[in-house]
N, C-alpha and C. Protein backbone atom coordinates (compact mmCIF):
# COMPACT_ATOMS: atom_id res chain seq x y z
N MET A 1 0.80 -1.20 0.00
CA MET A 1 0.00 0.00 0.00
C MET A 1 0.84 1.27 0.00
N LEU A 2 2.13 1.06 0.09
CA LEU A 2 3.03 2.20 0.01
C LEU A 2 2.88 2.90 -1.33
N HIS A 3 2.69 2.10 -2.37
CA HIS A 3 2.52 2.66 -3.70
C HIS A 3 1.29 3.57 -3.76
N ASP A 4 0.18 3.14 -3.16
CA ASP A 4 -1.04 3.95 -3.13
C ASP A 4 -0.81 5.25 -2.37
N ARG A 5 -0.08 5.15 -1.27
CA ARG A 5 0.19 6.32 -0.46
C ARG A 5 0.99 7.35 -1.25
N LEU A 6 1.98 6.88 -2.00
CA LEU A 6 2.79 7.80 -2.79
C LEU A 6 1.98 8.48 -3.88
N MET A 7 1.03 7.77 -4.42
CA MET A 7 0.23 8.31 -5.52
C MET A 7 -0.81 9.32 -5.02
N THR A 8 -1.25 9.19 -3.80
CA THR A 8 -2.35 10.04 -3.33
C THR A 8 -1.89 11.23 -2.51
N VAL A 9 -0.71 11.19 -1.99
CA VAL A 9 -0.25 12.30 -1.17
C VAL A 9 0.08 13.47 -2.08
N ASN A 10 -0.45 14.61 -1.74
CA ASN A 10 -0.22 15.81 -2.53
C ASN A 10 0.89 16.64 -1.91
N GLU A 11 2.08 16.11 -1.99
CA GLU A 11 3.23 16.86 -1.46
C GLU A 11 3.77 17.75 -2.56
N PRO A 12 4.28 18.89 -2.18
CA PRO A 12 4.84 19.77 -3.21
C PRO A 12 6.05 19.09 -3.86
N ALA A 13 6.23 19.34 -5.13
CA ALA A 13 7.38 18.79 -5.86
C ALA A 13 8.65 19.44 -5.33
N ILE A 14 9.76 18.78 -5.52
CA ILE A 14 11.05 19.34 -5.10
C ILE A 14 11.28 20.62 -5.88
N PRO A 15 11.54 21.70 -5.16
CA PRO A 15 11.70 22.97 -5.89
C PRO A 15 12.91 22.90 -6.82
N ALA A 16 12.75 23.46 -8.00
CA ALA A 16 13.84 23.50 -8.97
C ALA A 16 14.86 24.53 -8.53
N LYS A 17 16.09 24.31 -8.97
CA LYS A 17 17.13 25.28 -8.66
C LYS A 17 16.81 26.57 -9.41
N PRO A 18 17.04 27.70 -8.77
CA PRO A 18 16.75 28.96 -9.47
C PRO A 18 17.63 29.08 -10.71
N ALA A 19 17.08 29.66 -11.74
CA ALA A 19 17.83 29.86 -12.97
C ALA A 19 18.98 30.82 -12.70
N SER A 20 20.04 30.60 -13.41
CA SER A 20 21.19 31.48 -13.25
C SER A 20 20.81 32.89 -13.70
N ARG A 21 20.93 33.82 -12.80
CA ARG A 21 20.60 35.20 -13.11
C ARG A 21 21.79 36.08 -12.77
N SER A 22 21.74 37.27 -13.25
CA SER A 22 22.80 38.22 -12.97
C SER A 22 22.93 38.37 -11.45
N GLY A 23 24.16 38.28 -10.96
CA GLY A 23 24.37 38.43 -9.53
C GLY A 23 24.44 37.11 -8.80
N PHE A 24 24.07 36.02 -9.44
CA PHE A 24 24.11 34.70 -8.81
C PHE A 24 25.24 33.88 -9.42
N GLY A 25 25.88 33.07 -8.62
CA GLY A 25 26.95 32.24 -9.14
C GLY A 25 28.20 33.06 -9.41
N LEU A 26 29.07 32.50 -10.19
CA LEU A 26 30.33 33.17 -10.50
C LEU A 26 30.15 34.21 -11.59
N SER A 27 30.88 35.29 -11.45
CA SER A 27 30.90 36.29 -12.51
C SER A 27 31.73 35.75 -13.67
N LEU A 28 31.70 36.44 -14.75
CA LEU A 28 32.48 36.03 -15.92
C LEU A 28 33.98 36.06 -15.58
N LYS A 29 34.38 37.08 -14.86
CA LYS A 29 35.78 37.18 -14.45
C LYS A 29 36.14 36.05 -13.48
N GLY A 30 35.23 35.73 -12.58
CA GLY A 30 35.46 34.62 -11.65
C GLY A 30 35.60 33.30 -12.37
N ARG A 31 34.76 33.09 -13.37
CA ARG A 31 34.85 31.85 -14.17
C ARG A 31 36.19 31.79 -14.90
N ALA A 32 36.62 32.90 -15.47
CA ALA A 32 37.90 32.95 -16.18
C ALA A 32 39.06 32.66 -15.23
N LEU A 33 39.01 33.27 -14.06
CA LEU A 33 40.08 33.04 -13.09
C LEU A 33 40.10 31.60 -12.60
N ARG A 34 38.93 31.00 -12.45
CA ARG A 34 38.86 29.60 -12.04
C ARG A 34 39.51 28.71 -13.11
N LEU A 35 39.24 28.99 -14.37
CA LEU A 35 39.86 28.22 -15.45
C LEU A 35 41.37 28.42 -15.47
N LEU A 36 41.79 29.67 -15.30
CA LEU A 36 43.22 29.97 -15.32
C LEU A 36 43.95 29.40 -14.10
N ALA A 37 43.25 29.20 -13.01
CA ALA A 37 43.88 28.62 -11.83
C ALA A 37 44.23 27.15 -12.06
N GLY A 38 43.48 26.49 -12.93
CA GLY A 38 43.73 25.08 -13.21
C GLY A 38 44.92 24.86 -14.12
N ARG A 39 45.04 25.67 -15.17
CA ARG A 39 46.14 25.59 -16.12
C ARG A 39 46.12 26.85 -16.97
N GLU A 40 47.17 27.04 -17.73
CA GLU A 40 47.22 28.19 -18.64
C GLU A 40 46.21 27.99 -19.77
N HIS A 41 45.51 29.04 -20.14
CA HIS A 41 44.57 29.02 -21.25
C HIS A 41 44.90 30.18 -22.18
N SER A 42 44.73 29.97 -23.47
CA SER A 42 44.88 31.07 -24.41
C SER A 42 43.59 31.89 -24.40
N ARG A 43 43.68 33.06 -24.97
CA ARG A 43 42.49 33.93 -25.05
C ARG A 43 41.39 33.24 -25.85
N ALA A 44 41.76 32.60 -26.95
CA ALA A 44 40.77 31.93 -27.80
C ALA A 44 40.07 30.80 -27.03
N GLU A 45 40.81 30.07 -26.22
CA GLU A 45 40.19 29.01 -25.41
C GLU A 45 39.18 29.58 -24.43
N LEU A 46 39.56 30.68 -23.77
CA LEU A 46 38.66 31.30 -22.80
C LEU A 46 37.42 31.85 -23.49
N GLU A 47 37.59 32.43 -24.66
CA GLU A 47 36.43 32.92 -25.41
C GLU A 47 35.48 31.78 -25.74
N ARG A 48 36.04 30.65 -26.13
CA ARG A 48 35.22 29.49 -26.49
C ARG A 48 34.50 28.93 -25.26
N LYS A 49 35.19 28.85 -24.14
CA LYS A 49 34.61 28.26 -22.95
C LYS A 49 33.64 29.18 -22.22
N LEU A 50 33.86 30.47 -22.31
CA LEU A 50 33.06 31.41 -21.54
C LEU A 50 32.01 32.15 -22.36
N GLY A 51 32.01 31.96 -23.64
CA GLY A 51 31.09 32.69 -24.52
C GLY A 51 29.64 32.52 -24.14
N ARG A 52 29.24 31.34 -23.70
CA ARG A 52 27.82 31.12 -23.37
C ARG A 52 27.42 31.78 -22.06
N HIS A 53 28.39 32.25 -21.27
CA HIS A 53 28.08 32.89 -19.99
C HIS A 53 28.04 34.42 -20.11
N GLU A 54 28.34 34.93 -21.28
CA GLU A 54 28.34 36.37 -21.50
C GLU A 54 26.91 36.89 -21.43
N GLU A 55 26.68 37.89 -20.60
CA GLU A 55 25.34 38.43 -20.42
C GLU A 55 25.07 39.63 -21.31
N ALA A 56 26.11 40.38 -21.64
CA ALA A 56 25.96 41.56 -22.49
C ALA A 56 27.04 41.52 -23.57
N PRO A 57 26.72 41.95 -24.76
CA PRO A 57 27.73 41.96 -25.83
C PRO A 57 28.95 42.78 -25.43
N GLY A 58 30.11 42.24 -25.66
CA GLY A 58 31.35 42.94 -25.34
C GLY A 58 31.85 42.72 -23.92
N GLN A 59 31.03 42.12 -23.06
CA GLN A 59 31.42 41.91 -21.66
C GLN A 59 32.62 40.96 -21.58
N LEU A 60 32.57 39.88 -22.34
CA LEU A 60 33.65 38.89 -22.30
C LEU A 60 34.96 39.50 -22.80
N ALA A 61 34.89 40.24 -23.89
CA ALA A 61 36.09 40.88 -24.43
C ALA A 61 36.71 41.84 -23.41
N GLN A 62 35.86 42.56 -22.71
CA GLN A 62 36.34 43.51 -21.70
C GLN A 62 37.04 42.77 -20.56
N VAL A 63 36.45 41.67 -20.09
CA VAL A 63 37.04 40.89 -19.00
C VAL A 63 38.38 40.30 -19.45
N LEU A 64 38.41 39.75 -20.66
CA LEU A 64 39.65 39.14 -21.15
C LEU A 64 40.72 40.18 -21.40
N ASP A 65 40.34 41.37 -21.87
CA ASP A 65 41.32 42.46 -22.03
C ASP A 65 41.95 42.82 -20.69
N GLU A 66 41.10 42.90 -19.65
CA GLU A 66 41.58 43.23 -18.31
C GLU A 66 42.55 42.16 -17.80
N LEU A 67 42.18 40.89 -17.99
CA LEU A 67 43.04 39.81 -17.52
C LEU A 67 44.34 39.75 -18.31
N GLN A 68 44.27 40.07 -19.60
CA GLN A 68 45.48 40.07 -20.42
C GLN A 68 46.38 41.24 -20.02
N ALA A 69 45.80 42.38 -19.69
CA ALA A 69 46.58 43.53 -19.26
C ALA A 69 47.31 43.25 -17.95
N LYS A 70 46.69 42.44 -17.10
CA LYS A 70 47.31 42.07 -15.82
C LYS A 70 48.20 40.83 -15.95
N ASP A 71 48.39 40.35 -17.17
CA ASP A 71 49.25 39.20 -17.50
C ASP A 71 48.74 37.88 -16.93
N PHE A 72 47.44 37.78 -16.71
CA PHE A 72 46.86 36.50 -16.34
C PHE A 72 46.74 35.60 -17.58
N ILE A 73 46.57 36.22 -18.73
CA ILE A 73 46.52 35.50 -20.00
C ILE A 73 47.80 35.86 -20.76
N ASN A 74 48.61 34.84 -21.02
CA ASN A 74 49.89 35.06 -21.68
C ASN A 74 50.14 33.89 -22.63
N GLU A 75 50.16 34.16 -23.92
CA GLU A 75 50.30 33.09 -24.91
C GLU A 75 51.64 32.38 -24.82
N ALA A 76 52.70 33.09 -24.49
CA ALA A 76 54.01 32.45 -24.36
C ALA A 76 54.00 31.42 -23.23
N ARG A 77 53.32 31.76 -22.13
CA ARG A 77 53.21 30.79 -21.02
C ARG A 77 52.37 29.58 -21.42
N VAL A 78 51.35 29.79 -22.24
CA VAL A 78 50.53 28.68 -22.72
C VAL A 78 51.41 27.72 -23.53
N VAL A 79 52.23 28.27 -24.42
CA VAL A 79 53.12 27.44 -25.23
C VAL A 79 54.07 26.65 -24.33
N GLU A 80 54.69 27.33 -23.39
CA GLU A 80 55.63 26.65 -22.49
C GLU A 80 54.94 25.56 -21.68
N SER A 81 53.74 25.85 -21.22
CA SER A 81 52.98 24.87 -20.44
C SER A 81 52.67 23.62 -21.25
N VAL A 82 52.21 23.81 -22.47
CA VAL A 82 51.88 22.66 -23.33
C VAL A 82 53.14 21.86 -23.62
N ILE A 83 54.23 22.52 -23.94
CA ILE A 83 55.47 21.81 -24.24
C ILE A 83 55.94 21.05 -23.00
N HIS A 84 55.88 21.68 -21.87
CA HIS A 84 56.33 21.02 -20.63
C HIS A 84 55.49 19.77 -20.32
N ARG A 85 54.17 19.87 -20.50
CA ARG A 85 53.29 18.74 -20.19
C ARG A 85 53.33 17.63 -21.23
N ARG A 86 53.52 17.98 -22.50
CA ARG A 86 53.30 17.01 -23.57
C ARG A 86 54.57 16.51 -24.25
N ALA A 87 55.68 17.24 -24.19
CA ALA A 87 56.87 16.87 -24.95
C ALA A 87 57.46 15.53 -24.51
N GLY A 88 57.20 15.11 -23.29
CA GLY A 88 57.75 13.85 -22.81
C GLY A 88 57.13 12.62 -23.46
N HIS A 89 55.95 12.77 -24.06
CA HIS A 89 55.33 11.59 -24.67
C HIS A 89 54.64 11.85 -26.00
N LEU A 90 54.77 13.07 -26.54
CA LEU A 90 54.20 13.36 -27.86
C LEU A 90 55.25 13.97 -28.78
N GLY A 91 55.07 13.75 -30.07
CA GLY A 91 55.97 14.30 -31.07
C GLY A 91 55.61 15.73 -31.43
N ALA A 92 56.49 16.34 -32.22
CA ALA A 92 56.32 17.74 -32.59
C ALA A 92 55.05 17.97 -33.39
N ALA A 93 54.69 17.05 -34.26
CA ALA A 93 53.49 17.25 -35.08
C ALA A 93 52.23 17.30 -34.21
N ARG A 94 52.15 16.45 -33.23
CA ARG A 94 50.96 16.42 -32.35
C ARG A 94 50.92 17.65 -31.46
N ILE A 95 52.07 18.07 -30.96
CA ILE A 95 52.13 19.27 -30.13
C ILE A 95 51.77 20.50 -30.95
N LYS A 96 52.25 20.55 -32.19
CA LYS A 96 51.90 21.67 -33.08
C LYS A 96 50.40 21.73 -33.29
N TYR A 97 49.78 20.59 -33.51
CA TYR A 97 48.33 20.51 -33.70
C TYR A 97 47.60 21.05 -32.46
N GLU A 98 48.05 20.66 -31.28
CA GLU A 98 47.41 21.14 -30.04
C GLU A 98 47.55 22.65 -29.89
N LEU A 99 48.75 23.15 -30.16
CA LEU A 99 48.98 24.59 -30.01
C LEU A 99 48.12 25.39 -30.99
N LEU A 100 48.02 24.92 -32.23
CA LEU A 100 47.20 25.62 -33.21
C LEU A 100 45.72 25.57 -32.84
N ASN A 101 45.28 24.46 -32.25
CA ASN A 101 43.88 24.36 -31.82
C ASN A 101 43.57 25.26 -30.63
N LYS A 102 44.58 25.69 -29.93
CA LYS A 102 44.37 26.61 -28.81
C LYS A 102 44.27 28.06 -29.30
N GLY A 103 44.41 28.26 -30.60
CA GLY A 103 44.28 29.59 -31.16
C GLY A 103 45.51 30.46 -30.99
N LEU A 104 46.66 29.85 -30.84
CA LEU A 104 47.89 30.61 -30.65
C LEU A 104 48.43 31.08 -32.00
N SER A 105 49.22 32.13 -31.97
CA SER A 105 49.74 32.70 -33.22
C SER A 105 50.71 31.74 -33.89
N ALA A 106 50.75 31.80 -35.20
CA ALA A 106 51.61 30.92 -35.98
C ALA A 106 53.09 31.15 -35.66
N GLU A 107 53.45 32.38 -35.34
CA GLU A 107 54.85 32.69 -35.03
C GLU A 107 55.29 31.99 -33.74
N LEU A 108 54.43 32.03 -32.71
CA LEU A 108 54.75 31.35 -31.45
C LEU A 108 54.85 29.84 -31.65
N VAL A 109 53.95 29.29 -32.44
CA VAL A 109 53.96 27.85 -32.69
C VAL A 109 55.21 27.46 -33.47
N ALA A 110 55.58 28.26 -34.46
CA ALA A 110 56.78 27.97 -35.25
C ALA A 110 58.04 28.02 -34.38
N ALA A 111 58.10 28.98 -33.48
CA ALA A 111 59.25 29.07 -32.58
C ALA A 111 59.30 27.86 -31.65
N ALA A 112 58.15 27.42 -31.18
CA ALA A 112 58.11 26.24 -30.31
C ALA A 112 58.55 25.00 -31.07
N MET A 113 58.14 24.86 -32.31
CA MET A 113 58.54 23.70 -33.12
C MET A 113 60.04 23.71 -33.39
N ALA A 114 60.60 24.89 -33.58
CA ALA A 114 62.05 25.00 -33.80
C ALA A 114 62.82 24.52 -32.56
N ARG A 115 62.26 24.74 -31.38
CA ARG A 115 62.91 24.28 -30.15
C ARG A 115 62.72 22.78 -29.94
N LEU A 116 61.61 22.22 -30.43
CA LEU A 116 61.34 20.79 -30.23
C LEU A 116 62.09 19.89 -31.20
N LYS A 117 62.29 20.34 -32.42
CA LYS A 117 62.87 19.49 -33.47
C LYS A 117 64.25 18.94 -33.14
N PRO A 118 65.17 19.72 -32.56
CA PRO A 118 66.52 19.18 -32.33
C PRO A 118 66.56 17.93 -31.45
N ASN A 119 65.66 17.79 -30.51
CA ASN A 119 65.70 16.62 -29.62
C ASN A 119 64.59 15.62 -29.91
N GLU A 120 64.01 15.69 -31.11
CA GLU A 120 62.92 14.80 -31.48
C GLU A 120 63.37 13.33 -31.47
N LEU A 121 64.57 13.07 -31.94
CA LEU A 121 65.07 11.69 -31.98
C LEU A 121 65.19 11.11 -30.57
N GLU A 122 65.74 11.88 -29.65
CA GLU A 122 65.90 11.39 -28.27
C GLU A 122 64.53 11.18 -27.61
N ARG A 123 63.61 12.10 -27.84
CA ARG A 123 62.28 11.96 -27.24
C ARG A 123 61.55 10.74 -27.82
N THR A 124 61.70 10.53 -29.11
CA THR A 124 61.07 9.37 -29.76
C THR A 124 61.64 8.08 -29.19
N ARG A 125 62.95 8.05 -29.07
CA ARG A 125 63.62 6.85 -28.53
C ARG A 125 63.15 6.57 -27.10
N GLU A 126 63.01 7.59 -26.30
CA GLU A 126 62.58 7.41 -24.91
C GLU A 126 61.14 6.90 -24.83
N VAL A 127 60.26 7.44 -25.66
CA VAL A 127 58.87 6.98 -25.68
C VAL A 127 58.83 5.51 -26.12
N TRP A 128 59.62 5.16 -27.13
CA TRP A 128 59.68 3.77 -27.61
C TRP A 128 60.17 2.84 -26.50
N ARG A 129 61.22 3.25 -25.79
CA ARG A 129 61.77 2.41 -24.71
C ARG A 129 60.76 2.19 -23.58
N LYS A 130 60.01 3.23 -23.25
CA LYS A 130 59.02 3.11 -22.17
C LYS A 130 57.90 2.15 -22.54
N LYS A 131 57.53 2.13 -23.80
CA LYS A 131 56.38 1.33 -24.22
C LYS A 131 56.75 -0.12 -24.59
N PHE A 132 57.89 -0.30 -25.21
CA PHE A 132 58.23 -1.62 -25.74
C PHE A 132 59.49 -2.17 -25.08
N ASP A 133 59.50 -3.49 -24.90
CA ASP A 133 60.63 -4.15 -24.25
C ASP A 133 61.86 -4.24 -25.15
N GLY A 134 61.65 -4.24 -26.43
CA GLY A 134 62.76 -4.36 -27.37
C GLY A 134 62.24 -4.50 -28.78
N PRO A 135 63.12 -4.94 -29.67
CA PRO A 135 62.70 -5.09 -31.07
C PRO A 135 61.56 -6.09 -31.20
N ALA A 136 60.73 -5.86 -32.20
CA ALA A 136 59.61 -6.76 -32.47
C ALA A 136 60.12 -8.08 -33.03
N VAL A 137 59.34 -9.13 -32.82
CA VAL A 137 59.74 -10.45 -33.30
C VAL A 137 59.36 -10.67 -34.76
N ASP A 138 58.44 -9.87 -35.28
CA ASP A 138 58.03 -10.03 -36.68
C ASP A 138 57.67 -8.67 -37.28
N ALA A 139 57.38 -8.67 -38.56
CA ALA A 139 57.06 -7.42 -39.26
C ALA A 139 55.79 -6.78 -38.72
N ALA A 140 54.81 -7.60 -38.32
CA ALA A 140 53.57 -7.05 -37.78
C ALA A 140 53.83 -6.31 -36.47
N GLY A 141 54.69 -6.85 -35.64
CA GLY A 141 55.04 -6.20 -34.38
C GLY A 141 55.78 -4.89 -34.61
N ARG A 142 56.66 -4.89 -35.61
CA ARG A 142 57.38 -3.66 -35.95
C ARG A 142 56.41 -2.60 -36.45
N ALA A 143 55.46 -3.01 -37.28
CA ALA A 143 54.46 -2.07 -37.79
C ALA A 143 53.63 -1.50 -36.64
N LYS A 144 53.32 -2.32 -35.66
CA LYS A 144 52.56 -1.87 -34.49
C LYS A 144 53.36 -0.81 -33.72
N GLN A 145 54.65 -1.04 -33.54
CA GLN A 145 55.49 -0.08 -32.84
C GLN A 145 55.56 1.24 -33.62
N MET A 146 55.66 1.13 -34.93
CA MET A 146 55.74 2.34 -35.75
C MET A 146 54.41 3.12 -35.73
N ARG A 147 53.31 2.41 -35.77
CA ARG A 147 52.00 3.08 -35.70
C ARG A 147 51.82 3.78 -34.36
N PHE A 148 52.28 3.13 -33.30
CA PHE A 148 52.19 3.72 -31.96
C PHE A 148 52.88 5.08 -31.93
N LEU A 149 54.10 5.13 -32.45
CA LEU A 149 54.87 6.38 -32.44
C LEU A 149 54.25 7.41 -33.39
N ALA A 150 53.78 6.96 -34.54
CA ALA A 150 53.17 7.88 -35.50
C ALA A 150 51.90 8.51 -34.93
N ALA A 151 51.12 7.74 -34.19
CA ALA A 151 49.89 8.26 -33.59
C ALA A 151 50.19 9.32 -32.55
N ARG A 152 51.37 9.32 -32.01
CA ARG A 152 51.75 10.32 -31.02
C ARG A 152 52.45 11.52 -31.63
N GLY A 153 52.50 11.56 -32.96
CA GLY A 153 52.99 12.76 -33.63
C GLY A 153 54.45 12.77 -33.97
N PHE A 154 55.13 11.65 -33.89
CA PHE A 154 56.53 11.59 -34.29
C PHE A 154 56.61 11.37 -35.79
N GLY A 155 57.61 11.95 -36.44
CA GLY A 155 57.74 11.88 -37.89
C GLY A 155 58.27 10.52 -38.35
N GLY A 156 57.93 10.17 -39.58
CA GLY A 156 58.33 8.88 -40.14
C GLY A 156 59.83 8.68 -40.21
N ASP A 157 60.58 9.73 -40.55
CA ASP A 157 62.03 9.60 -40.64
C ASP A 157 62.63 9.28 -39.28
N VAL A 158 62.14 9.90 -38.23
CA VAL A 158 62.63 9.64 -36.88
C VAL A 158 62.19 8.25 -36.41
N ILE A 159 60.97 7.88 -36.72
CA ILE A 159 60.47 6.56 -36.31
C ILE A 159 61.31 5.46 -36.93
N ARG A 160 61.66 5.60 -38.21
CA ARG A 160 62.49 4.57 -38.88
C ARG A 160 63.87 4.47 -38.25
N LYS A 161 64.38 5.57 -37.71
CA LYS A 161 65.67 5.52 -37.03
C LYS A 161 65.58 4.86 -35.66
N VAL A 162 64.43 5.00 -35.00
CA VAL A 162 64.27 4.51 -33.63
C VAL A 162 63.84 3.05 -33.58
N VAL A 163 62.86 2.68 -34.37
CA VAL A 163 62.31 1.32 -34.30
C VAL A 163 63.25 0.37 -35.05
N PRO A 164 63.86 -0.55 -34.32
CA PRO A 164 64.79 -1.47 -34.97
C PRO A 164 64.05 -2.50 -35.81
N PRO A 165 64.77 -3.11 -36.76
CA PRO A 165 64.12 -4.17 -37.54
C PRO A 165 63.77 -5.33 -36.62
N GLU A 166 62.83 -6.14 -37.07
CA GLU A 166 62.40 -7.26 -36.25
C GLU A 166 63.58 -8.20 -36.00
N ILE A 167 63.51 -8.97 -34.94
CA ILE A 167 64.56 -9.90 -34.54
C ILE A 167 64.79 -10.89 -35.66
N GLY A 168 66.06 -11.13 -35.95
CA GLY A 168 66.41 -12.08 -37.01
C GLY A 168 66.72 -11.40 -38.32
N VAL A 169 66.44 -10.11 -38.45
CA VAL A 169 66.75 -9.37 -39.67
C VAL A 169 68.07 -8.66 -39.45
N GLU A 170 68.92 -8.71 -40.45
CA GLU A 170 70.26 -8.10 -40.34
C GLU A 170 70.10 -6.59 -40.13
N ARG A 171 70.83 -6.07 -39.18
CA ARG A 171 70.79 -4.64 -38.89
C ARG A 171 71.72 -3.90 -39.82
N ARG A 172 71.26 -2.74 -40.28
CA ARG A 172 72.04 -1.96 -41.23
C ARG A 172 72.74 -0.79 -40.54
N SER A 173 73.99 -0.62 -40.80
CA SER A 173 74.82 0.54 -40.45
C SER A 173 74.72 0.98 -38.99
N GLY A 174 74.39 0.12 -38.07
CA GLY A 174 74.47 0.44 -36.65
C GLY A 174 73.51 1.51 -36.16
N LEU A 175 72.42 1.75 -36.83
CA LEU A 175 71.47 2.77 -36.38
C LEU A 175 70.82 2.40 -35.05
N TRP A 176 70.69 1.12 -34.75
CA TRP A 176 69.92 0.69 -33.58
C TRP A 176 70.81 0.18 -32.47
N SER A 177 71.86 0.85 -32.20
CA SER A 177 72.77 0.40 -31.14
C SER A 177 72.37 0.94 -29.80
């Protein structure tokens, strides 16, 4: 009879949460600062994430201008942050893709790529060593290792230098020592 009791009792419904109105919740600047406290964001990222919270046209641009003037938004720091977090396990092509998707200037991205390229071989070799115990036993295993590195944004020329031929195949010119 519990079912009957639930159906017949006229209890008020659970009140809905009040709609977000001006003055309630976080301000646009508060939301931006909360995002920036977690990690560095580019201006374009903040515009994309905060655009739906803008209450008046131009409000978001004004807040972001203020934060940029106070150096809370700094594209060079965004580049450094991404490189620091991702260079240990991703190749230059993948990092370049991430930086461009963050809306950063082409000049900053090009400068970052110039810094990453010289040590691409060492980074590729380290990622390969962490993932695989050694050379593959067959061509399919070697292809798997190469696909793994390619999916992480390492270039084909570097991958061919790092991934040794499968076991039992004669090694050429000591590249895999």
